Amino acid sequence: ILFGSLLSGAVLTETIFNWPGIGRYATTSVTTLDYPAVMGVALVAAVIYPLVNTLVDIGYSVIDPRVRAN
């Protein structure tokens, strides 16, 4: 759930400090109306977000056996 906050924090940090990264790329794409790039960033975020949540759920069930019982 916190991955979305990390991604939005990356956008803010990369824009303020002028660091290269997906946040700055997304900001530049939006301001220059580069629609394929905006869709690509949205697609990457849409794929990574549930993937990270699934990996965390699997890791949590490995660490805590009580989760597997339910």
N, C-alpha and C. Protein backbone atom coordinates (compact mmCIF):
# COMPACT_ATOMS: atom_id res chain seq x y z
N ILE A 1 0.83 -1.18 0.00
CA ILE A 1 0.00 0.00 0.00
C ILE A 1 0.88 1.25 0.00
N LEU A 2 2.02 1.17 0.59
CA LEU A 2 2.89 2.34 0.67
C LEU A 2 3.65 2.60 -0.63
N PHE A 3 3.59 1.66 -1.57
CA PHE A 3 4.33 1.84 -2.82
C PHE A 3 3.82 3.05 -3.59
N GLY A 4 2.52 3.30 -3.56
CA GLY A 4 1.96 4.48 -4.21
C GLY A 4 2.50 5.77 -3.62
N SER A 5 2.66 5.78 -2.32
CA SER A 5 3.24 6.96 -1.66
C SER A 5 4.70 7.13 -2.03
N LEU A 6 5.42 6.02 -2.14
CA LEU A 6 6.82 6.09 -2.55
C LEU A 6 6.95 6.65 -3.96
N LEU A 7 6.06 6.22 -4.85
CA LEU A 7 6.11 6.70 -6.22
C LEU A 7 5.79 8.19 -6.29
N SER A 8 4.80 8.63 -5.54
CA SER A 8 4.49 10.06 -5.56
C SER A 8 5.59 10.87 -4.89
N GLY A 9 6.22 10.31 -3.88
CA GLY A 9 7.37 10.97 -3.26
C GLY A 9 8.55 11.06 -4.20
N ALA A 10 8.71 10.03 -5.05
CA ALA A 10 9.79 10.06 -6.04
C ALA A 10 9.57 11.17 -7.05
N VAL A 11 8.33 11.36 -7.45
CA VAL A 11 8.02 12.44 -8.39
C VAL A 11 8.40 13.78 -7.79
N LEU A 12 8.02 14.00 -6.56
CA LEU A 12 8.32 15.27 -5.89
C LEU A 12 9.82 15.47 -5.69
N THR A 13 10.49 14.45 -5.20
CA THR A 13 11.93 14.56 -4.93
C THR A 13 12.73 14.76 -6.21
N GLU A 14 12.42 13.99 -7.24
CA GLU A 14 13.17 14.09 -8.49
C GLU A 14 12.91 15.42 -9.18
N THR A 15 11.73 15.95 -9.04
CA THR A 15 11.43 17.24 -9.66
C THR A 15 12.15 18.37 -8.93
N ILE A 16 12.12 18.34 -7.60
CA ILE A 16 12.75 19.41 -6.82
C ILE A 16 14.27 19.41 -6.99
N PHE A 17 14.89 18.24 -6.88
CA PHE A 17 16.35 18.15 -6.92
C PHE A 17 16.91 17.90 -8.32
N ASN A 18 16.03 17.83 -9.31
CA ASN A 18 16.44 17.65 -10.71
C ASN A 18 17.24 16.36 -10.90
N TRP A 19 16.81 15.29 -10.23
CA TRP A 19 17.45 13.99 -10.37
C TRP A 19 16.76 13.22 -11.49
N PRO A 20 17.48 12.43 -12.26
CA PRO A 20 16.84 11.61 -13.28
C PRO A 20 16.13 10.42 -12.63
N GLY A 21 15.01 10.04 -13.19
CA GLY A 21 14.27 8.90 -12.66
C GLY A 21 12.88 8.87 -13.25
N ILE A 22 12.08 7.89 -12.82
CA ILE A 22 10.75 7.73 -13.38
C ILE A 22 9.83 8.88 -12.97
N GLY A 23 10.05 9.46 -11.81
CA GLY A 23 9.22 10.59 -11.38
C GLY A 23 9.44 11.82 -12.25
N ARG A 24 10.69 12.11 -12.50
CA ARG A 24 11.00 13.26 -13.37
C ARG A 24 10.54 12.99 -14.79
N TYR A 25 10.70 11.74 -15.24
CA TYR A 25 10.25 11.37 -16.57
C TYR A 25 8.74 11.55 -16.69
N ALA A 26 8.00 11.15 -15.67
CA ALA A 26 6.55 11.30 -15.68
C ALA A 26 6.16 12.77 -15.69
N THR A 27 6.82 13.58 -14.88
CA THR A 27 6.52 15.01 -14.84
C THR A 27 6.80 15.68 -16.17
N THR A 28 7.95 15.36 -16.75
CA THR A 28 8.30 15.93 -18.05
C THR A 28 7.33 15.48 -19.13
N SER A 29 6.92 14.23 -19.08
CA SER A 29 5.98 13.71 -20.07
C SER A 29 4.62 14.40 -19.99
N VAL A 30 4.18 14.65 -18.77
CA VAL A 30 2.88 15.32 -18.61
C VAL A 30 2.96 16.77 -19.08
N THR A 31 4.03 17.46 -18.74
CA THR A 31 4.12 18.88 -19.11
C THR A 31 4.34 19.08 -20.61
N THR A 32 4.96 18.11 -21.28
CA THR A 32 5.18 18.23 -22.73
C THR A 32 4.11 17.51 -23.54
N LEU A 33 3.08 17.00 -22.86
CA LEU A 33 1.96 16.29 -23.50
C LEU A 33 2.43 15.11 -24.34
N ASP A 34 3.38 14.35 -23.81
CA ASP A 34 3.87 13.14 -24.47
C ASP A 34 2.99 11.97 -24.02
N TYR A 35 1.88 11.76 -24.72
CA TYR A 35 0.87 10.80 -24.29
C TYR A 35 1.38 9.36 -24.23
N PRO A 36 2.16 8.88 -25.20
CA PRO A 36 2.67 7.51 -25.07
C PRO A 36 3.55 7.32 -23.83
N ALA A 37 4.34 8.31 -23.49
CA ALA A 37 5.18 8.20 -22.29
C ALA A 37 4.33 8.22 -21.03
N VAL A 38 3.30 9.05 -21.00
CA VAL A 38 2.41 9.09 -19.84
C VAL A 38 1.70 7.75 -19.68
N MET A 39 1.24 7.17 -20.77
CA MET A 39 0.59 5.86 -20.70
C MET A 39 1.58 4.79 -20.27
N GLY A 40 2.83 4.90 -20.71
CA GLY A 40 3.85 3.94 -20.30
C GLY A 40 4.14 4.00 -18.82
N VAL A 41 4.25 5.21 -18.29
CA VAL A 41 4.49 5.37 -16.85
C VAL A 41 3.29 4.85 -16.06
N ALA A 42 2.09 5.13 -16.54
CA ALA A 42 0.90 4.63 -15.86
C ALA A 42 0.84 3.10 -15.91
N LEU A 43 1.23 2.53 -17.04
CA LEU A 43 1.23 1.07 -17.17
C LEU A 43 2.26 0.44 -16.24
N VAL A 44 3.45 1.02 -16.18
CA VAL A 44 4.49 0.50 -15.28
C VAL A 44 4.01 0.57 -13.84
N ALA A 45 3.43 1.67 -13.44
CA ALA A 45 2.92 1.81 -12.07
C ALA A 45 1.79 0.82 -11.81
N ALA A 46 0.92 0.63 -12.81
CA ALA A 46 -0.22 -0.28 -12.65
C ALA A 46 0.22 -1.74 -12.57
N VAL A 47 1.34 -2.08 -13.17
CA VAL A 47 1.85 -3.45 -13.10
C VAL A 47 2.66 -3.66 -11.82
N ILE A 48 3.49 -2.70 -11.47
CA ILE A 48 4.37 -2.86 -10.32
C ILE A 48 3.59 -2.83 -9.00
N TYR A 49 2.57 -2.00 -8.91
CA TYR A 49 1.83 -1.84 -7.65
C TYR A 49 1.23 -3.16 -7.16
N PRO A 50 0.43 -3.88 -7.97
CA PRO A 50 -0.10 -5.15 -7.47
C PRO A 50 0.98 -6.23 -7.33
N LEU A 51 2.02 -6.16 -8.15
CA LEU A 51 3.11 -7.13 -8.04
C LEU A 51 3.82 -7.00 -6.70
N VAL A 52 4.11 -5.78 -6.31
CA VAL A 52 4.77 -5.54 -5.01
C VAL A 52 3.85 -5.96 -3.87
N ASN A 53 2.57 -5.66 -3.97
CA ASN A 53 1.63 -6.06 -2.92
C ASN A 53 1.53 -7.58 -2.80
N THR A 54 1.54 -8.28 -3.93
CA THR A 54 1.49 -9.74 -3.91
C THR A 54 2.76 -10.31 -3.29
N LEU A 55 3.91 -9.77 -3.66
CA LEU A 55 5.17 -10.24 -3.08
C LEU A 55 5.22 -10.00 -1.57
N VAL A 56 4.69 -8.89 -1.12
CA VAL A 56 4.66 -8.61 0.31
C VAL A 56 3.73 -9.59 1.02
N ASP A 57 2.58 -9.90 0.43
CA ASP A 57 1.66 -10.87 1.02
C ASP A 57 2.30 -12.25 1.11
N ILE A 58 3.00 -12.66 0.07
CA ILE A 58 3.68 -13.95 0.08
C ILE A 58 4.78 -13.96 1.13
N GLY A 59 5.56 -12.91 1.17
CA GLY A 59 6.62 -12.82 2.18
C GLY A 59 6.07 -12.82 3.59
N TYR A 60 4.96 -12.16 3.79
CA TYR A 60 4.35 -12.10 5.11
C TYR A 60 3.85 -13.48 5.53
N SER A 61 3.29 -14.24 4.58
CA SER A 61 2.82 -15.59 4.92
C SER A 61 3.98 -16.54 5.19
N VAL A 62 5.13 -16.30 4.59
CA VAL A 62 6.31 -17.12 4.87
C VAL A 62 6.85 -16.80 6.27
N ILE A 63 6.86 -15.53 6.62
CA ILE A 63 7.42 -15.12 7.91
C ILE A 63 6.50 -15.49 9.07
N ASP A 64 5.20 -15.30 8.90
CA ASP A 64 4.24 -15.53 9.99
C ASP A 64 3.35 -16.71 9.65
N PRO A 65 3.54 -17.87 10.26
CA PRO A 65 2.73 -19.05 9.92
C PRO A 65 1.25 -18.91 10.27
N ARG A 66 0.90 -18.00 11.15
CA ARG A 66 -0.51 -17.81 11.49
C ARG A 66 -1.31 -17.30 10.30
N VAL A 67 -0.67 -16.60 9.38
CA VAL A 67 -1.36 -16.08 8.21
C VAL A 67 -1.75 -17.23 7.29
N ARG A 68 -0.89 -18.24 7.17
CA ARG A 68 -1.19 -19.39 6.32
C ARG A 68 -2.36 -20.20 6.85
N ALA A 69 -2.56 -20.22 8.16
CA ALA A 69 -3.64 -20.98 8.76
C ALA A 69 -5.00 -20.41 8.38
N ASN A 70 -5.07 -19.13 8.13
CA ASN A 70 -6.34 -18.50 7.77
C ASN A 70 -6.51 -18.61 6.30
